[in-house]
Every structure is written in structure tokens, then in C-alpha cells.
Amino acid sequence: MTELYSAHPAMFKNRPFSFILSILLIPAFGLGILILLVWYLRCKSSRLIVNEKEILFEEGLLSKSRSEITLSSVRTVKVEQSFVNRIFGVGTIELYTAGDTPEIIAHGMPDPNKIRDII
């Protein structure tokens, strides 16, 4: 199957002020490096994949959680972006199938409107 979209959450674009603060904390006993390392691992342990038939969302580094939704069962795609998120082109994607609770919530995804258009 052809992947129409595949991405990990953006690190810097999602929280630019936290990134700058972490850089400033590097001289403080390497605390900034530890924060950046944990943050990097969290970003790389989540992935959203959209292909021709389904949407896959994987989370976790050592233990994995995987959600799969067929494109035909998606009823609502909600994109949330703050002002800063809109400037940097990232946002939160919420996918609803049935009911009031989202099946998938993906924070900090690059180009969220492209994902909405694909789905």
C-alpha cells in the first residue's frame, strides 16, 4: 500500500518556547540535554501513517500501542491549532468514528490540514 502521509510529531515547531528554555538550561548541570533527550524520544516514539485504506497511529518506545482505523469509518476530523502552532504549521489531529470521544489524538503533527484533506 502507498503511504499518503507519514510523520512523527514535530519537536521544535510544536513547542518553540520550551525548546529555547531547554537550550538555555544546558549550562545548568546538563539539565537541558536531559530534557531534550526525553523530548526527542517521546516525539520519535509516536507516528501517524495514512495510506490508501487506513490510518495507523503508533505510540511507545518499549511497549507499543497501535490504533488502526479504516478511512471509510472516519466520521469527523478535528484540527486544533493555537496561534503559535499556525505560524509553525503544526497542530493536533483528532479522529472520530462514532460517539463523542476521539479514537485517535495526535499532538504536534506537521501540516495538519494536509492530513485532514487526505482523509
PDB file of N, CA and C in Angstrom:
ATOM      1  N   MET A   1       0.822  -1.190   0.000  1.00  0.00           N
ATOM      2  CA  MET A   1       0.000   0.000   0.000  1.00  0.00           C
ATOM      3  C   MET A   1       0.865   1.252   0.000  1.00  0.00           C
ATOM      4  N   THR A   2       0.399   2.256  -0.655  1.00  0.00           N
ATOM      5  CA  THR A   2       1.121   3.510  -0.761  1.00  0.00           C
ATOM      6  C   THR A   2       0.813   4.403   0.429  1.00  0.00           C
ATOM      7  N   GLU A   3       1.858   4.919   1.054  1.00  0.00           N
ATOM      8  CA  GLU A   3       1.674   5.852   2.166  1.00  0.00           C
ATOM      9  C   GLU A   3       1.394   7.244   1.618  1.00  0.00           C
ATOM     10  N   LEU A   4       0.260   7.803   1.999  1.00  0.00           N
ATOM     11  CA  LEU A   4      -0.093   9.151   1.586  1.00  0.00           C
ATOM     12  C   LEU A   4       0.498  10.191   2.544  1.00  0.00           C
ATOM     13  N   TYR A   5       0.692   9.775   3.805  1.00  0.00           N
ATOM     14  CA  TYR A   5       1.249  10.671   4.816  1.00  0.00           C
ATOM     15  C   TYR A   5       1.888   9.807   5.897  1.00  0.00           C
ATOM     16  N   SER A   6       3.056  10.208   6.328  1.00  0.00           N
ATOM     17  CA  SER A   6       3.740   9.515   7.412  1.00  0.00           C
ATOM     18  C   SER A   6       4.624  10.528   8.125  1.00  0.00           C
ATOM     19  N   ALA A   7       4.395  10.709   9.440  1.00  0.00           N
ATOM     20  CA  ALA A   7       5.184  11.706  10.167  1.00  0.00           C
ATOM     21  C   ALA A   7       5.177  11.426  11.664  1.00  0.00           C
ATOM     22  N   HIS A   8       6.224  11.889  12.305  1.00  0.00           N
ATOM     23  CA  HIS A   8       6.329  11.923  13.752  1.00  0.00           C
ATOM     24  C   HIS A   8       5.941  13.331  14.191  1.00  0.00           C
ATOM     25  N   PRO A   9       5.541  13.521  15.438  1.00  0.00           N
ATOM     26  CA  PRO A   9       5.268  14.885  15.907  1.00  0.00           C
ATOM     27  C   PRO A   9       6.515  15.766  15.792  1.00  0.00           C
ATOM     28  N   ALA A  10       6.295  17.008  15.440  1.00  0.00           N
ATOM     29  CA  ALA A  10       7.403  17.953  15.312  1.00  0.00           C
ATOM     30  C   ALA A  10       7.895  18.342  16.705  1.00  0.00           C
ATOM     31  N   MET A  11       9.210  18.431  16.847  1.00  0.00           N
ATOM     32  CA  MET A  11       9.772  18.738  18.154  1.00  0.00           C
ATOM     33  C   MET A  11       9.828  20.246  18.398  1.00  0.00           C
ATOM     34  N   PHE A  12      10.601  20.953  17.616  1.00  0.00           N
ATOM     35  CA  PHE A  12      10.768  22.392  17.816  1.00  0.00           C
ATOM     36  C   PHE A  12       9.498  23.162  17.467  1.00  0.00           C
ATOM     37  N   LYS A  13       8.884  22.838  16.350  1.00  0.00           N
ATOM     38  CA  LYS A  13       7.727  23.598  15.880  1.00  0.00           C
ATOM     39  C   LYS A  13       6.534  23.498  16.825  1.00  0.00           C
ATOM     40  N   ASN A  14       6.408  22.374  17.511  1.00  0.00           N
ATOM     41  CA  ASN A  14       5.268  22.166  18.392  1.00  0.00           C
ATOM     42  C   ASN A  14       5.361  23.017  19.658  1.00  0.00           C
ATOM     43  N   ARG A  15       6.564  23.147  20.218  1.00  0.00           N
ATOM     44  CA  ARG A  15       6.763  23.931  21.441  1.00  0.00           C
ATOM     45  C   ARG A  15       8.054  24.732  21.343  1.00  0.00           C
ATOM     46  N   PRO A  16       8.052  25.824  20.592  1.00  0.00           N
ATOM     47  CA  PRO A  16       9.295  26.575  20.396  1.00  0.00           C
ATOM     48  C   PRO A  16       9.831  27.210  21.677  1.00  0.00           C
ATOM     49  N   PHE A  17       8.952  27.658  22.564  1.00  0.00           N
ATOM     50  CA  PHE A  17       9.424  28.297  23.790  1.00  0.00           C
ATOM     51  C   PHE A  17      10.050  27.278  24.741  1.00  0.00           C
ATOM     52  N   SER A  18       9.496  26.072  24.795  1.00  0.00           N
ATOM     53  CA  SER A  18      10.086  25.007  25.609  1.00  0.00           C
ATOM     54  C   SER A  18      11.445  24.599  25.064  1.00  0.00           C
ATOM     55  N   PHE A  19      11.565  24.607  23.754  1.00  0.00           N
ATOM     56  CA  PHE A  19      12.840  24.262  23.125  1.00  0.00           C
ATOM     57  C   PHE A  19      13.917  25.288  23.502  1.00  0.00           C
ATOM     58  N   ILE A  20      13.575  26.564  23.412  1.00  0.00           N
ATOM     59  CA  ILE A  20      14.526  27.625  23.755  1.00  0.00           C
ATOM     60  C   ILE A  20      14.902  27.542  25.234  1.00  0.00           C
ATOM     61  N   LEU A  21      13.922  27.277  26.099  1.00  0.00           N
ATOM     62  CA  LEU A  21      14.201  27.128  27.524  1.00  0.00           C
ATOM     63  C   LEU A  21      15.138  25.947  27.787  1.00  0.00           C
ATOM     64  N   SER A  22      14.932  24.837  27.075  1.00  0.00           N
ATOM     65  CA  SER A  22      15.810  23.670  27.234  1.00  0.00           C
ATOM     66  C   SER A  22      17.234  23.988  26.808  1.00  0.00           C
ATOM     67  N   ILE A  23      17.382  24.745  25.733  1.00  0.00           N
ATOM     68  CA  ILE A  23      18.720  25.149  25.273  1.00  0.00           C
ATOM     69  C   ILE A  23      19.395  26.031  26.328  1.00  0.00           C
ATOM     70  N   LEU A  24      18.612  26.925  26.944  1.00  0.00           N
ATOM     71  CA  LEU A  24      19.171  27.801  27.974  1.00  0.00           C
ATOM     72  C   LEU A  24      19.556  27.026  29.243  1.00  0.00           C
ATOM     73  N   LEU A  25      18.932  25.870  29.473  1.00  0.00           N
ATOM     74  CA  LEU A  25      19.228  25.070  30.662  1.00  0.00           C
ATOM     75  C   LEU A  25      20.411  24.117  30.487  1.00  0.00           C
ATOM     76  N   ILE A  26      20.989  24.075  29.304  1.00  0.00           N
ATOM     77  CA  ILE A  26      22.134  23.179  29.084  1.00  0.00           C
ATOM     78  C   ILE A  26      23.300  23.503  30.028  1.00  0.00           C
ATOM     79  N   PRO A  27      23.653  24.759  30.242  1.00  0.00           N
ATOM     80  CA  PRO A  27      24.756  25.030  31.172  1.00  0.00           C
ATOM     81  C   PRO A  27      24.444  24.653  32.628  1.00  0.00           C
ATOM     82  N   ALA A  28      23.190  24.491  32.987  1.00  0.00           N
ATOM     83  CA  ALA A  28      22.805  24.160  34.362  1.00  0.00           C
ATOM     84  C   ALA A  28      22.911  22.645  34.575  1.00  0.00           C
ATOM     85  N   PHE A  29      24.128  22.164  34.741  1.00  0.00           N
ATOM     86  CA  PHE A  29      24.406  20.753  35.004  1.00  0.00           C
ATOM     87  C   PHE A  29      23.882  19.808  33.921  1.00  0.00           C
ATOM     88  N   GLY A  30      23.760  20.295  32.713  1.00  0.00           N
ATOM     89  CA  GLY A  30      23.302  19.452  31.603  1.00  0.00           C
ATOM     90  C   GLY A  30      21.821  19.124  31.657  1.00  0.00           C
ATOM     91  N   LEU A  31      21.074  19.837  32.460  1.00  0.00           N
ATOM     92  CA  LEU A  31      19.641  19.577  32.592  1.00  0.00           C
ATOM     93  C   LEU A  31      18.917  19.728  31.258  1.00  0.00           C
ATOM     94  N   GLY A  32      19.312  20.710  30.461  1.00  0.00           N
ATOM     95  CA  GLY A  32      18.683  20.935  29.160  1.00  0.00           C
ATOM     96  C   GLY A  32      18.889  19.771  28.220  1.00  0.00           C
ATOM     97  N   ILE A  33      20.071  19.144  28.281  1.00  0.00           N
ATOM     98  CA  ILE A  33      20.337  17.990  27.409  1.00  0.00           C
ATOM     99  C   ILE A  33      19.432  16.825  27.788  1.00  0.00           C
ATOM    100  N   LEU A  34      19.241  16.612  29.070  1.00  0.00           N
ATOM    101  CA  LEU A  34      18.357  15.540  29.529  1.00  0.00           C
ATOM    102  C   LEU A  34      16.918  15.794  29.089  1.00  0.00           C
ATOM    103  N   ILE A  35      16.453  17.022  29.231  1.00  0.00           N
ATOM    104  CA  ILE A  35      15.095  17.379  28.804  1.00  0.00           C
ATOM    105  C   ILE A  35      14.940  17.168  27.303  1.00  0.00           C
ATOM    106  N   LEU A  36      15.921  17.620  26.512  1.00  0.00           N
ATOM    107  CA  LEU A  36      15.850  17.453  25.058  1.00  0.00           C
ATOM    108  C   LEU A  36      15.876  15.982  24.656  1.00  0.00           C
ATOM    109  N   LEU A  37      16.655  15.165  25.349  1.00  0.00           N
ATOM    110  CA  LEU A  37      16.728  13.740  25.036  1.00  0.00           C
ATOM    111  C   LEU A  37      15.393  13.045  25.283  1.00  0.00           C
ATOM    112  N   VAL A  38      14.779  13.312  26.438  1.00  0.00           N
ATOM    113  CA  VAL A  38      13.473  12.718  26.750  1.00  0.00           C
ATOM    114  C   VAL A  38      12.427  13.195  25.752  1.00  0.00           C
ATOM    115  N   TRP A  39      12.451  14.472  25.437  1.00  0.00           N
ATOM    116  CA  TRP A  39      11.505  15.052  24.487  1.00  0.00           C
ATOM    117  C   TRP A  39      11.680  14.426  23.106  1.00  0.00           C
ATOM    118  N   TYR A  40      12.919  14.256  22.672  1.00  0.00           N
ATOM    119  CA  TYR A  40      13.207  13.647  21.369  1.00  0.00           C
ATOM    120  C   TYR A  40      12.679  12.213  21.311  1.00  0.00           C
ATOM    121  N   LEU A  41      12.907  11.454  22.371  1.00  0.00           N
ATOM    122  CA  LEU A  41      12.434  10.066  22.393  1.00  0.00           C
ATOM    123  C   LEU A  41      10.906  10.002  22.374  1.00  0.00           C
ATOM    124  N   ARG A  42      10.247  10.922  23.059  1.00  0.00           N
ATOM    125  CA  ARG A  42       8.782  10.957  23.020  1.00  0.00           C
ATOM    126  C   ARG A  42       8.267  11.273  21.622  1.00  0.00           C
ATOM    127  N   CYS A  43       8.921  12.199  20.936  1.00  0.00           N
ATOM    128  CA  CYS A  43       8.497  12.556  19.580  1.00  0.00           C
ATOM    129  C   CYS A  43       8.721  11.396  18.610  1.00  0.00           C
ATOM    130  N   LYS A  44       9.848  10.738  18.724  1.00  0.00           N
ATOM    131  CA  LYS A  44      10.161   9.641  17.804  1.00  0.00           C
ATOM    132  C   LYS A  44       9.403   8.354  18.118  1.00  0.00           C
ATOM    133  N   SER A  45       8.792   8.274  19.299  1.00  0.00           N
ATOM    134  CA  SER A  45       8.051   7.066  19.637  1.00  0.00           C
ATOM    135  C   SER A  45       6.593   7.125  19.192  1.00  0.00           C
ATOM    136  N   SER A  46       6.151   8.243  18.641  1.00  0.00           N
ATOM    137  CA  SER A  46       4.796   8.379  18.097  1.00  0.00           C
ATOM    138  C   SER A  46       4.883   8.572  16.593  1.00  0.00           C
ATOM    139  N   ARG A  47       3.939   7.967  15.875  1.00  0.00           N
ATOM    140  CA  ARG A  47       3.945   8.080  14.416  1.00  0.00           C
ATOM    141  C   ARG A  47       2.529   7.931  13.882  1.00  0.00           C
ATOM    142  N   LEU A  48       2.167   8.808  12.955  1.00  0.00           N
ATOM    143  CA  LEU A  48       0.877   8.756  12.280  1.00  0.00           C
ATOM    144  C   LEU A  48       1.116   8.413  10.820  1.00  0.00           C
ATOM    145  N   ILE A  49       0.430   7.385  10.337  1.00  0.00           N
ATOM    146  CA  ILE A  49       0.576   6.933   8.959  1.00  0.00           C
ATOM    147  C   ILE A  49      -0.813   6.875   8.329  1.00  0.00           C
ATOM    148  N   VAL A  50      -0.954   7.501   7.176  1.00  0.00           N
ATOM    149  CA  VAL A  50      -2.197   7.432   6.417  1.00  0.00           C
ATOM    150  C   VAL A  50      -1.867   6.793   5.079  1.00  0.00           C
ATOM    151  N   ASN A  51      -2.537   5.680   4.769  1.00  0.00           N
ATOM    152  CA  ASN A  51      -2.362   5.063   3.454  1.00  0.00           C
ATOM    153  C   ASN A  51      -3.706   5.028   2.738  1.00  0.00           C
ATOM    154  N   GLU A  52      -3.791   4.288   1.678  1.00  0.00           N
ATOM    155  CA  GLU A  52      -4.993   4.312   0.838  1.00  0.00           C
ATOM    156  C   GLU A  52      -6.243   3.775   1.524  1.00  0.00           C
ATOM    157  N   LYS A  53      -6.070   2.884   2.506  1.00  0.00           N
ATOM    158  CA  LYS A  53      -7.219   2.235   3.126  1.00  0.00           C
ATOM    159  C   LYS A  53      -7.421   2.544   4.597  1.00  0.00           C
ATOM    160  N   GLU A  54      -6.339   2.877   5.311  1.00  0.00           N
ATOM    161  CA  GLU A  54      -6.477   3.024   6.757  1.00  0.00           C
ATOM    162  C   GLU A  54      -5.536   4.070   7.332  1.00  0.00           C
ATOM    163  N   ILE A  55      -5.789   4.375   8.596  1.00  0.00           N
ATOM    164  CA  ILE A  55      -4.972   5.308   9.362  1.00  0.00           C
ATOM    165  C   ILE A  55      -4.376   4.518  10.523  1.00  0.00           C
ATOM    166  N   LEU A  56      -3.067   4.613  10.691  1.00  0.00           N
ATOM    167  CA  LEU A  56      -2.377   3.922  11.768  1.00  0.00           C
ATOM    168  C   LEU A  56      -1.734   4.961  12.680  1.00  0.00           C
ATOM    169  N   PHE A  57      -1.870   4.757  13.977  1.00  0.00           N
ATOM    170  CA  PHE A  57      -1.217   5.625  14.952  1.00  0.00           C
ATOM    171  C   PHE A  57      -0.509   4.740  15.949  1.00  0.00           C
ATOM    172  N   GLU A  58       0.815   4.863  16.015  1.00  0.00           N
ATOM    173  CA  GLU A  58       1.636   4.057  16.901  1.00  0.00           C
ATOM    174  C   GLU A  58       2.248   4.951  17.969  1.00  0.00           C
ATOM    175  N   GLU A  59       2.237   4.463  19.199  1.00  0.00           N
ATOM    176  CA  GLU A  59       2.859   5.163  20.313  1.00  0.00           C
ATOM    177  C   GLU A  59       3.662   4.174  21.130  1.00  0.00           C
ATOM    178  N   GLY A  60       4.752   4.648  21.701  1.00  0.00           N
ATOM    179  CA  GLY A  60       5.521   3.833  22.619  1.00  0.00           C
ATOM    180  C   GLY A  60       6.894   3.502  22.090  1.00  0.00           C
ATOM    181  N   LEU A  61       7.822   3.366  23.027  1.00  0.00           N
ATOM    182  CA  LEU A  61       9.198   3.040  22.679  1.00  0.00           C
ATOM    183  C   LEU A  61       9.484   1.576  22.990  1.00  0.00           C
ATOM    184  N   LEU A  62       9.266   1.170  24.211  1.00  0.00           N
ATOM    185  CA  LEU A  62       9.482  -0.220  24.593  1.00  0.00           C
ATOM    186  C   LEU A  62       8.201  -1.038  24.484  1.00  0.00           C
ATOM    187  N   SER A  63       7.111  -0.514  24.997  1.00  0.00           N
ATOM    188  CA  SER A  63       5.818  -1.154  24.804  1.00  0.00           C
ATOM    189  C   SER A  63       5.039  -0.315  23.792  1.00  0.00           C
ATOM    190  N   LYS A  64       4.444  -0.964  22.827  1.00  0.00           N
ATOM    191  CA  LYS A  64       3.772  -0.262  21.728  1.00  0.00           C
ATOM    192  C   LYS A  64       2.261  -0.289  21.892  1.00  0.00           C
ATOM    193  N   SER A  65       1.644   0.794  21.484  1.00  0.00           N
ATOM    194  CA  SER A  65       0.198   0.900  21.374  1.00  0.00           C
ATOM    195  C   SER A  65      -0.094   1.288  19.929  1.00  0.00           C
ATOM    196  N   ARG A  66      -0.942   0.525  19.264  1.00  0.00           N
ATOM    197  CA  ARG A  66      -1.211   0.776  17.853  1.00  0.00           C
ATOM    198  C   ARG A  66      -2.713   0.838  17.631  1.00  0.00           C
ATOM    199  N   SER A  67      -3.168   1.933  17.026  1.00  0.00           N
ATOM    200  CA  SER A  67      -4.582   2.105  16.685  1.00  0.00           C
ATOM    201  C   SER A  67      -4.716   2.132  15.176  1.00  0.00           C
ATOM    202  N   GLU A  68      -5.688   1.396  14.668  1.00  0.00           N
ATOM    203  CA  GLU A  68      -5.955   1.360  13.233  1.00  0.00           C
ATOM    204  C   GLU A  68      -7.416   1.704  12.995  1.00  0.00           C
ATOM    205  N   ILE A  69      -7.642   2.588  12.051  1.00  0.00           N
ATOM    206  CA  ILE A  69      -8.997   2.976  11.668  1.00  0.00           C
ATOM    207  C   ILE A  69      -9.071   2.944  10.148  1.00  0.00           C
ATOM    208  N   THR A  70     -10.099   2.333   9.599  1.00  0.00           N
ATOM    209  CA  THR A  70     -10.283   2.378   8.151  1.00  0.00           C
ATOM    210  C   THR A  70     -10.795   3.762   7.767  1.00  0.00           C
ATOM    211  N   LEU A  71     -10.402   4.220   6.596  1.00  0.00           N
ATOM    212  CA  LEU A  71     -10.799   5.562   6.154  1.00  0.00           C
ATOM    213  C   LEU A  71     -12.311   5.695   6.030  1.00  0.00           C
ATOM    214  N   SER A  72     -12.977   4.615   5.664  1.00  0.00           N
ATOM    215  CA  SER A  72     -14.429   4.685   5.479  1.00  0.00           C
ATOM    216  C   SER A  72     -15.180   4.848   6.805  1.00  0.00           C
ATOM    217  N   SER A  73     -14.554   4.482   7.926  1.00  0.00           N
ATOM    218  CA  SER A  73     -15.236   4.597   9.220  1.00  0.00           C
ATOM    219  C   SER A  73     -15.013   5.944   9.910  1.00  0.00           C
ATOM    220  N   VAL A  74     -14.156   6.790   9.370  1.00  0.00           N
ATOM    221  CA  VAL A  74     -13.909   8.108   9.969  1.00  0.00           C
ATOM    222  C   VAL A  74     -15.096   9.024   9.672  1.00  0.00           C
ATOM    223  N   ARG A  75     -15.673   9.574  10.741  1.00  0.00           N
ATOM    224  CA  ARG A  75     -16.817  10.477  10.596  1.00  0.00           C
ATOM    225  C   ARG A  75     -16.400  11.942  10.682  1.00  0.00           C
ATOM    226  N   THR A  76     -15.460  12.237  11.579  1.00  0.00           N
ATOM    227  CA  THR A  76     -15.061  13.624  11.794  1.00  0.00           C
ATOM    228  C   THR A  76     -13.557  13.696  11.981  1.00  0.00           C
ATOM    229  N   VAL A  77     -12.955  14.711  11.356  1.00  0.00           N
ATOM    230  CA  VAL A  77     -11.545  15.011  11.561  1.00  0.00           C
ATOM    231  C   VAL A  77     -11.488  16.419  12.129  1.00  0.00           C
ATOM    232  N   LYS A  78     -10.934  16.545  13.337  1.00  0.00           N
ATOM    233  CA  LYS A  78     -10.852  17.841  14.009  1.00  0.00           C
ATOM    234  C   LYS A  78      -9.394  18.262  14.089  1.00  0.00           C
ATOM    235  N   VAL A  79      -9.103  19.483  13.646  1.00  0.00           N
ATOM    236  CA  VAL A  79      -7.756  20.043  13.702  1.00  0.00           C
ATOM    237  C   VAL A  79      -7.770  21.205  14.678  1.00  0.00           C
ATOM    238  N   GLU A  80      -6.881  21.147  15.666  1.00  0.00           N
ATOM    239  CA  GLU A  80      -6.748  22.242  16.633  1.00  0.00           C
ATOM    240  C   GLU A  80      -5.361  22.841  16.508  1.00  0.00           C
ATOM    241  N   GLN A  81      -5.315  24.180  16.380  1.00  0.00           N
ATOM    242  CA  GLN A  81      -4.044  24.897  16.267  1.00  0.00           C
ATOM    243  C   GLN A  81      -4.136  26.194  17.055  1.00  0.00           C
ATOM    244  N   SER A  82      -3.145  26.436  17.894  1.00  0.00           N
ATOM    245  CA  SER A  82      -3.042  27.731  18.546  1.00  0.00           C
ATOM    246  C   SER A  82      -2.406  28.706  17.553  1.00  0.00           C
ATOM    247  N   PHE A  83      -2.302  29.948  17.949  1.00  0.00           N
ATOM    248  CA  PHE A  83      -1.692  30.954  17.070  1.00  0.00           C
ATOM    249  C   PHE A  83      -0.246  30.584  16.729  1.00  0.00           C
ATOM    250  N   VAL A  84       0.519  30.182  17.738  1.00  0.00           N
ATOM    251  CA  VAL A  84       1.917  29.800  17.515  1.00  0.00           C
ATOM    252  C   VAL A  84       1.993  28.544  16.652  1.00  0.00           C
ATOM    253  N   ASN A  85       1.083  27.581  16.890  1.00  0.00           N
ATOM    254  CA  ASN A  85       1.058  26.376  16.059  1.00  0.00           C
ATOM    255  C   ASN A  85       0.765  26.711  14.597  1.00  0.00           C
ATOM    256  N   ARG A  86      -0.123  27.654  14.357  1.00  0.00           N
ATOM    257  CA  ARG A  86      -0.432  28.046  12.979  1.00  0.00           C
ATOM    258  C   ARG A  86       0.769  28.680  12.303  1.00  0.00           C
ATOM    259  N   ILE A  87       1.534  29.476  13.051  1.00  0.00           N
ATOM    260  CA  ILE A  87       2.733  30.101  12.488  1.00  0.00           C
ATOM    261  C   ILE A  87       3.735  29.034  12.049  1.00  0.00           C
ATOM    262  N   PHE A  88       3.922  28.003  12.892  1.00  0.00           N
ATOM    263  CA  PHE A  88       4.910  26.960  12.599  1.00  0.00           C
ATOM    264  C   PHE A  88       4.346  25.785  11.802  1.00  0.00           C
ATOM    265  N   GLY A  89       3.051  25.769  11.515  1.00  0.00           N
ATOM    266  CA  GLY A  89       2.471  24.734  10.666  1.00  0.00           C
ATOM    267  C   GLY A  89       2.307  23.382  11.333  1.00  0.00           C
ATOM    268  N   VAL A  90       1.981  23.365  12.626  1.00  0.00           N
ATOM    269  CA  VAL A  90       1.725  22.109  13.340  1.00  0.00           C
ATOM    270  C   VAL A  90       0.369  22.203  14.043  1.00  0.00           C
ATOM    271  N   GLY A  91      -0.125  21.064  14.514  1.00  0.00           N
ATOM    272  CA  GLY A  91      -1.392  21.077  15.227  1.00  0.00           C
ATOM    273  C   GLY A  91      -1.755  19.704  15.747  1.00  0.00           C
ATOM    274  N   THR A  92      -2.888  19.650  16.418  1.00  0.00           N
ATOM    275  CA  THR A  92      -3.401  18.404  16.973  1.00  0.00           C
ATOM    276  C   THR A  92      -4.510  17.882  16.070  1.00  0.00           C
ATOM    277  N   ILE A  93      -4.440  16.585  15.757  1.00  0.00           N
ATOM    278  CA  ILE A  93      -5.439  15.922  14.925  1.00  0.00           C
ATOM    279  C   ILE A  93      -6.262  15.015  15.829  1.00  0.00           C
ATOM    280  N   GLU A  94      -7.578  15.125  15.754  1.00  0.00           N
ATOM    281  CA  GLU A  94      -8.476  14.229  16.467  1.00  0.00           C
ATOM    282  C   GLU A  94      -9.363  13.540  15.442  1.00  0.00           C
ATOM    283  N   LEU A  95      -9.405  12.209  15.500  1.00  0.00           N
ATOM    284  CA  LEU A  95     -10.202  11.426  14.563  1.00  0.00           C
ATOM    285  C   LEU A  95     -11.336  10.738  15.309  1.00  0.00           C
ATOM    286  N   TYR A  96     -12.553  10.969  14.852  1.00  0.00           N
ATOM    287  CA  TYR A  96     -13.744  10.398  15.467  1.00  0.00           C
ATOM    288  C   TYR A  96     -14.371   9.399  14.501  1.00  0.00           C
ATOM    289  N   THR A  97     -14.794   8.255  15.026  1.00  0.00           N
ATOM    290  CA  THR A  97     -15.513   7.283  14.199  1.00  0.00           C
ATOM    291  C   THR A  97     -16.992   7.311  14.570  1.00  0.00           C
ATOM    292  N   ALA A  98     -17.306   6.960  15.796  1.00  0.00           N
ATOM    293  CA  ALA A  98     -18.683   7.008  16.287  1.00  0.00           C
ATOM    294  C   ALA A  98     -18.628   7.437  17.744  1.00  0.00           C
ATOM    295  N   GLY A  99     -19.565   8.240  18.156  1.00  0.00           N
ATOM    296  CA  GLY A  99     -19.576   8.675  19.550  1.00  0.00           C
ATOM    297  C   GLY A  99     -18.924  10.026  19.729  1.00  0.00           C
ATOM    298  N   ASP A 100     -18.742  10.368  21.005  1.00  0.00           N
ATOM    299  CA  ASP A 100     -18.252  11.700  21.349  1.00  0.00           C
ATOM    300  C   ASP A 100     -16.778  11.736  21.705  1.00  0.00           C
ATOM    301  N   THR A 101     -16.131  10.599  21.818  1.00  0.00           N
ATOM    302  CA  THR A 101     -14.710  10.570  22.172  1.00  0.00           C
ATOM    303  C   THR A 101     -13.883  10.221  20.943  1.00  0.00           C
ATOM    304  N   PRO A 102     -12.767  10.898  20.755  1.00  0.00           N
ATOM    305  CA  PRO A 102     -11.932  10.608  19.578  1.00  0.00           C
ATOM    306  C   PRO A 102     -11.228   9.259  19.710  1.00  0.00           C
ATOM    307  N   GLU A 103     -11.106   8.576  18.604  1.00  0.00           N
ATOM    308  CA  GLU A 103     -10.391   7.298  18.562  1.00  0.00           C
ATOM    309  C   GLU A 103      -8.883   7.533  18.586  1.00  0.00           C
ATOM    310  N   ILE A 104      -8.440   8.565  17.868  1.00  0.00           N
ATOM    311  CA  ILE A 104      -7.018   8.879  17.780  1.00  0.00           C
ATOM    312  C   ILE A 104      -6.828  10.366  18.067  1.00  0.00           C
ATOM    313  N   ILE A 105      -5.864  10.683  18.928  1.00  0.00           N
ATOM    314  CA  ILE A 105      -5.455  12.070  19.172  1.00  0.00           C
ATOM    315  C   ILE A 105      -3.950  12.123  18.940  1.00  0.00           C
ATOM    316  N   ALA A 106      -3.542  12.881  17.936  1.00  0.00           N
ATOM    317  CA  ALA A 106      -2.122  13.014  17.592  1.00  0.00           C
ATOM    318  C   ALA A 106      -1.722  14.472  17.771  1.00  0.00           C
ATOM    319  N   HIS A 107      -0.900  14.734  18.786  1.00  0.00           N
ATOM    320  CA  HIS A 107      -0.456  16.098  19.109  1.00  0.00           C
ATOM    321  C   HIS A 107       0.796  16.458  18.320  1.00  0.00           C
ATOM    322  N   GLY A 108       0.889  17.717  17.904  1.00  0.00           N
ATOM    323  CA  GLY A 108       2.113  18.244  17.303  1.00  0.00           C
ATOM    324  C   GLY A 108       2.446  17.728  15.914  1.00  0.00           C
ATOM    325  N   MET A 109       1.448  17.336  15.152  1.00  0.00           N
ATOM    326  CA  MET A 109       1.710  16.788  13.824  1.00  0.00           C
ATOM    327  C   MET A 109       1.963  17.910  12.811  1.00  0.00           C
ATOM    328  N   PRO A 110       2.997  17.748  11.975  1.00  0.00           N
ATOM    329  CA  PRO A 110       3.268  18.764  10.959  1.00  0.00           C
ATOM    330  C   PRO A 110       2.201  18.747   9.868  1.00  0.00           C
ATOM    331  N   ASP A 111       1.839  19.919   9.409  1.00  0.00           N
ATOM    332  CA  ASP A 111       0.871  20.124   8.327  1.00  0.00           C
ATOM    333  C   ASP A 111      -0.454  19.388   8.577  1.00  0.00           C
ATOM    334  N   PRO A 112      -1.172  19.732   9.653  1.00  0.00           N
ATOM    335  CA  PRO A 112      -2.400  19.007   9.989  1.00  0.00           C
ATOM    336  C   PRO A 112      -3.523  19.185   8.975  1.00  0.00           C
ATOM    337  N   ASN A 113      -3.555  20.298   8.280  1.00  0.00           N
ATOM    338  CA  ASN A 113      -4.606  20.480   7.269  1.00  0.00           C
ATOM    339  C   ASN A 113      -4.407  19.562   6.078  1.00  0.00           C
ATOM    340  N   LYS A 114      -3.177  19.208   5.776  1.00  0.00           N
ATOM    341  CA  LYS A 114      -2.910  18.237   4.715  1.00  0.00           C
ATOM    342  C   LYS A 114      -3.474  16.868   5.105  1.00  0.00           C
ATOM    343  N   ILE A 115      -3.307  16.498   6.374  1.00  0.00           N
ATOM    344  CA  ILE A 115      -3.851  15.234   6.858  1.00  0.00           C
ATOM    345  C   ILE A 115      -5.378  15.244   6.716  1.00  0.00           C
ATOM    346  N   ARG A 116      -6.003  16.345   7.133  1.00  0.00           N
ATOM    347  CA  ARG A 116      -7.455  16.448   7.026  1.00  0.00           C
ATOM    348  C   ARG A 116      -7.913  16.319   5.573  1.00  0.00           C
ATOM    349  N   ASP A 117      -7.191  16.958   4.655  1.00  0.00           N
ATOM    350  CA  ASP A 117      -7.560  16.884   3.240  1.00  0.00           C
ATOM    351  C   ASP A 117      -7.400  15.480   2.686  1.00  0.00           C
ATOM    352  N   ILE A 118      -6.382  14.769   3.113  1.00  0.00           N
ATOM    353  CA  ILE A 118      -6.158  13.404   2.637  1.00  0.00           C
ATOM    354  C   ILE A 118      -7.274  12.482   3.119  1.00  0.00           C
ATOM    355  N   ILE A 119      -7.654  12.640   4.393  1.00  0.00           N
ATOM    356  CA  ILE A 119      -8.692  11.777   4.968  1.00  0.00           C
ATOM    357  C   ILE A 119     -10.042  12.151   4.398  1.00  0.00           C
TER     358      ILE A 119
END
